[in-house]
Amino acid sequence: MPAPSTRTALADSSRAPRLGGRLWLDFVNSDDEHRGRRVEHLTDFATWTHWLADAGVLDAERAAQLERRALEQPMGAQAALVDARRVRNALRTLAERGATQERARDGALAEINRVLGRSAGTRSVEAGPAGFARSFRAGGDVFGGLLLAIVESAAEALVAGEIARVKRCQGQGCARVYLDLTRNRSRRWCAMADCGNRAKAARHRSRRQSPPGTREPTPLRPRSRARSRRRGS
């Protein structure tokens, strides 16, 4: 989980960050800590289903059906939300420490296999306004299967060896995680327009505030060979 911060807020799932590059990383970021302020985007079962719909896991009709069933079975809906947060905690540990710690990988793998093992139902491919999408209809427990697409995304990352490219943003007070797909693995920020620009601004302020004698000299550009030859002729 993100480190404790001074403020915790609740927010609508539609404002949850979508910058992880993989579904399971976006899910981890639904427990968002940014600029030192922690925001829980899965505040109740309704925001949980809204998040799934925004992520393309559920269509609007299915999300509405689940919300109606949650009113009829509040205990089951609450249990599903608690289970989602439990899996999210394990996946955050995988994202932050899975590349170096076997224990983190084992813990996440246990949760992934637990969800996969209980997800009995019918899988299909359905056409929609945005194209084709996979669909899963749970058998038995009406709330079963909500985590299936997320844990499958994490499982695919393990199988494909992507964990080594998963990073945590280096921005101050930011706990967002993402998949670094740059060729030399040089990405440092959750978003350049956000934490990246804030870091650049902080460096600029630091240079302006430092005493003149302590500033790093601007490196001289090497003269081109062509110019050197012209001067020597």
Protein backbone atom coordinates (compact mmCIF):
# COMPACT_ATOMS: atom_id res chain seq x y z
CA MET A 1 0.00 0.00 0.00
CA PRO A 2 1.12 3.60 -0.42
CA ALA A 3 2.93 5.05 2.57
CA PRO A 4 0.61 6.82 5.04
CA SER A 5 0.00 10.45 4.14
CA THR A 6 -1.36 13.38 6.07
CA ARG A 7 -4.65 13.52 4.20
CA THR A 8 -6.99 10.83 2.96
CA ALA A 9 -9.88 11.69 0.67
CA LEU A 10 -12.64 9.89 -1.18
CA ALA A 11 -13.21 10.41 -4.88
CA ASP A 12 -15.38 9.22 -7.72
CA SER A 13 -13.93 6.33 -9.69
CA SER A 14 -14.19 8.30 -12.94
CA ARG A 15 -11.28 10.45 -11.74
CA ALA A 16 -9.00 7.50 -11.05
CA PRO A 17 -5.71 7.70 -12.97
CA ARG A 18 -5.38 5.64 -16.17
CA LEU A 19 -1.66 5.77 -16.82
CA GLY A 20 -0.35 2.39 -15.71
CA GLY A 21 -0.23 0.93 -19.19
CA ARG A 22 -1.89 -2.30 -18.02
CA LEU A 23 -5.28 -2.98 -16.45
CA TRP A 24 -3.83 -4.42 -13.25
CA LEU A 25 -1.60 -1.37 -12.75
CA ASP A 26 -4.53 1.00 -13.26
CA PHE A 27 -6.35 -1.05 -10.62
CA VAL A 28 -3.43 -0.62 -8.21
CA ASN A 29 -3.57 3.13 -8.85
CA SER A 30 -7.22 3.26 -7.81
CA ASP A 31 -5.73 3.53 -4.31
CA ASP A 32 -4.06 6.74 -5.36
CA GLU A 33 -1.41 8.75 -3.59
CA HIS A 34 -0.36 11.83 -5.49
CA ARG A 35 1.32 15.03 -4.31
CA GLY A 36 1.23 13.67 -0.78
CA ARG A 37 -2.55 13.28 -0.77
CA ARG A 38 -4.10 9.84 -0.68
CA VAL A 39 -7.38 9.27 -2.53
CA GLU A 40 -9.47 6.09 -2.38
CA HIS A 41 -11.38 5.72 -5.64
CA LEU A 42 -13.22 2.53 -4.64
CA THR A 43 -15.31 4.00 -1.85
CA ASP A 44 -18.21 1.54 -2.09
CA PHE A 45 -19.57 -1.17 -4.35
CA ALA A 46 -21.11 1.36 -6.74
CA THR A 47 -17.78 3.11 -7.37
CA TRP A 48 -16.18 -0.33 -7.77
CA THR A 49 -18.57 -1.22 -10.59
CA HIS A 50 -18.18 2.27 -12.08
CA TRP A 51 -14.41 1.77 -12.13
CA LEU A 52 -14.83 -1.57 -13.90
CA ALA A 53 -17.14 0.04 -16.46
CA ASP A 54 -14.75 2.95 -17.05
CA ALA A 55 -11.94 0.42 -17.56
CA GLY A 56 -13.99 -1.49 -20.14
CA VAL A 57 -14.31 -4.60 -17.98
CA LEU A 58 -18.11 -4.23 -17.66
CA ASP A 59 -20.61 -2.68 -20.00
CA ALA A 60 -23.10 -0.17 -18.62
CA GLU A 61 -25.97 -2.68 -18.59
CA ARG A 62 -24.01 -5.26 -16.61
CA ALA A 63 -22.79 -2.60 -14.15
CA ALA A 64 -26.36 -1.43 -13.57
CA GLN A 65 -27.50 -5.02 -12.98
CA LEU A 66 -24.80 -5.53 -10.38
CA GLU A 67 -25.71 -2.31 -8.59
CA ARG A 68 -29.34 -3.40 -8.37
CA ARG A 69 -28.28 -6.80 -7.04
CA ALA A 70 -26.04 -5.07 -4.50
CA LEU A 71 -29.12 -3.36 -3.04
CA GLU A 72 -30.73 -6.78 -2.66
CA GLN A 73 -27.58 -8.44 -1.29
CA PRO A 74 -25.61 -5.74 0.55
CA MET A 75 -23.50 -8.20 2.53
CA GLY A 76 -22.37 -9.97 -0.63
CA ALA A 77 -21.57 -6.67 -2.34
CA GLN A 78 -19.54 -5.48 0.65
CA ALA A 79 -17.64 -8.77 0.75
CA ALA A 80 -16.80 -8.38 -2.96
CA LEU A 81 -15.45 -4.87 -2.33
CA VAL A 82 -13.32 -6.05 0.60
CA ASP A 83 -11.95 -8.85 -1.56
CA ALA A 84 -11.12 -6.39 -4.35
CA ARG A 85 -9.09 -4.25 -1.96
CA ARG A 86 -7.31 -7.33 -0.65
CA VAL A 87 -6.24 -8.33 -4.15
CA ARG A 88 -5.26 -4.74 -4.90
CA ASN A 89 -2.91 -4.69 -1.90
CA ALA A 90 -1.17 -7.83 -3.13
CA LEU A 91 -0.85 -6.42 -6.64
CA ARG A 92 0.66 -3.17 -5.32
CA THR A 93 3.30 -5.19 -3.51
CA LEU A 94 3.96 -7.02 -6.77
CA ALA A 95 4.24 -3.74 -8.68
CA GLU A 96 6.60 -2.11 -6.20
CA ARG A 97 8.77 -5.04 -5.12
CA GLY A 98 8.01 -7.94 -7.43
CA ALA A 99 11.07 -7.36 -9.60
CA THR A 100 13.44 -7.97 -6.69
CA GLN A 101 11.56 -9.87 -3.99
CA GLU A 102 10.40 -13.46 -4.41
CA ARG A 103 8.10 -13.06 -1.41
CA ALA A 104 6.21 -10.26 -3.18
CA ARG A 105 5.80 -12.42 -6.28
CA ASP A 106 4.64 -15.42 -4.26
CA GLY A 107 2.05 -13.39 -2.36
CA ALA A 108 0.58 -11.92 -5.53
CA LEU A 109 0.63 -15.31 -7.24
CA ALA A 110 -1.36 -16.82 -4.38
CA GLU A 111 -4.04 -14.15 -4.75
CA ILE A 112 -4.09 -14.46 -8.53
CA ASN A 113 -4.54 -18.22 -8.36
CA ARG A 114 -7.18 -17.90 -5.63
CA VAL A 115 -9.30 -15.66 -7.85
CA LEU A 116 -8.70 -17.76 -10.96
CA GLY A 117 -9.58 -20.95 -9.09
CA ARG A 118 -12.99 -19.75 -7.98
CA SER A 119 -13.99 -17.99 -11.20
CA ALA A 120 -16.45 -20.46 -12.66
CA GLY A 121 -18.65 -19.10 -15.41
CA THR A 122 -19.04 -18.50 -19.11
CA ARG A 123 -16.51 -16.61 -21.21
CA SER A 124 -17.43 -15.06 -24.54
CA VAL A 125 -16.49 -12.32 -27.00
CA GLU A 126 -19.13 -9.66 -27.56
CA ALA A 127 -19.44 -6.83 -30.06
CA GLY A 128 -20.02 -3.33 -28.75
CA PRO A 129 -19.94 0.32 -29.87
CA ALA A 130 -16.16 0.48 -29.36
CA GLY A 131 -15.44 -2.89 -31.00
CA PHE A 132 -15.07 -6.39 -29.60
CA ALA A 133 -14.47 -7.20 -25.95
CA ARG A 134 -14.18 -10.28 -23.80
CA SER A 135 -17.07 -11.00 -21.46
CA PHE A 136 -17.37 -13.22 -18.41
CA ARG A 137 -20.63 -14.28 -16.78
CA ALA A 138 -20.07 -15.74 -13.34
CA GLY A 139 -21.80 -18.92 -12.34
CA GLY A 140 -23.15 -19.20 -8.82
CA ASP A 141 -22.00 -16.10 -6.91
CA VAL A 142 -23.46 -13.10 -8.75
CA PHE A 143 -20.47 -10.98 -7.71
CA GLY A 144 -17.93 -13.61 -8.73
CA GLY A 145 -15.68 -12.89 -11.64
CA LEU A 146 -15.40 -9.13 -11.13
CA LEU A 147 -11.67 -9.47 -10.50
CA LEU A 148 -11.03 -11.97 -13.27
CA ALA A 149 -9.88 -9.56 -16.00
CA ILE A 150 -7.61 -7.76 -13.52
CA VAL A 151 -5.83 -10.85 -12.23
CA GLU A 152 -5.52 -12.20 -15.77
CA SER A 153 -3.78 -8.94 -16.70
CA ALA A 154 -1.37 -9.42 -13.78
CA ALA A 155 -0.85 -13.06 -14.70
CA GLU A 156 0.02 -12.09 -18.27
CA ALA A 157 2.58 -9.61 -16.90
CA LEU A 158 4.23 -12.37 -14.88
CA VAL A 159 4.29 -14.81 -17.78
CA ALA A 160 5.60 -12.17 -20.22
CA GLY A 161 8.35 -11.06 -17.82
CA GLU A 162 7.04 -7.50 -17.60
CA ILE A 163 7.47 -7.11 -13.84
CA ALA A 164 11.04 -5.90 -14.29
CA ARG A 165 9.66 -2.93 -16.25
CA VAL A 166 7.09 -1.92 -13.65
CA LYS A 167 8.12 1.22 -11.76
CA ARG A 168 6.84 3.57 -9.12
CA CYS A 169 6.77 7.25 -10.02
CA GLN A 170 9.77 9.18 -8.72
CA GLY A 171 7.69 12.30 -8.16
CA GLN A 172 7.66 13.59 -4.60
CA GLY A 173 4.60 12.28 -2.76
CA CYS A 174 3.47 10.13 -5.71
CA ALA A 175 2.86 6.38 -5.37
CA ARG A 176 1.49 5.71 -8.84
CA VAL A 177 2.91 2.72 -10.71
CA TYR A 178 3.28 2.17 -14.43
CA LEU A 179 4.86 -0.06 -17.08
CA ASP A 180 7.99 1.49 -18.55
CA LEU A 181 8.02 0.61 -22.25
CA THR A 182 10.83 2.98 -23.25
CA ARG A 183 13.69 1.29 -25.08
CA ASN A 184 16.30 2.13 -22.43
CA ARG A 185 13.87 1.97 -19.48
CA SER A 186 14.39 5.65 -18.75
CA ARG A 187 10.85 6.70 -17.84
CA ARG A 188 10.79 8.27 -14.37
CA TRP A 189 7.35 9.81 -13.99
CA CYS A 190 3.75 8.66 -13.97
CA ALA A 191 3.15 11.49 -16.47
CA MET A 192 5.61 14.02 -17.85
CA ALA A 193 2.89 16.68 -17.91
CA ASP A 194 2.35 16.19 -14.19
CA CYS A 195 5.14 14.92 -11.95
CA GLY A 196 7.76 15.40 -14.66
CA ASN A 197 7.01 19.10 -15.07
CA ARG A 198 6.85 19.59 -11.29
CA ALA A 199 10.32 18.06 -10.94
CA LYS A 200 11.69 20.29 -13.71
CA ALA A 201 10.19 23.36 -12.02
CA ALA A 202 11.69 22.34 -8.68
CA ARG A 203 15.16 21.95 -10.23
CA HIS A 204 14.81 25.37 -11.88
CA ARG A 205 13.87 27.00 -8.57
CA SER A 206 16.77 25.29 -6.83
CA ARG A 207 19.27 26.60 -9.39
CA ARG A 208 17.91 30.15 -9.11
CA GLN A 209 18.05 30.11 -5.30
CA SER A 210 21.55 28.66 -4.97
CA PRO A 211 24.47 31.13 -4.45
CA PRO A 212 26.26 32.11 -7.67
CA GLY A 213 29.50 30.42 -6.68
CA THR A 214 27.78 27.08 -6.13
CA ARG A 215 26.01 26.88 -9.48
CA GLU A 216 27.26 24.30 -11.88
CA PRO A 217 28.98 25.87 -14.89
CA THR A 218 27.28 25.47 -18.22
CA PRO A 219 29.33 22.95 -20.21
CA LEU A 220 31.02 24.31 -23.32
CA ARG A 221 29.96 22.84 -26.62
CA PRO A 222 32.79 21.15 -28.49
CA ARG A 223 33.71 22.90 -31.72
CA SER A 224 32.91 20.99 -34.86
CA ARG A 225 35.79 19.62 -36.92
CA ALA A 226 34.68 21.63 -39.94
CA ARG A 227 34.95 24.93 -38.03
CA SER A 228 38.34 23.95 -36.62
CA ARG A 229 39.69 23.22 -40.11
CA ARG A 230 38.41 26.54 -41.48
CA ARG A 231 40.15 28.49 -38.74
CA GLY A 232 43.38 26.61 -39.21
CA SER A 233 43.47 27.18 -42.97
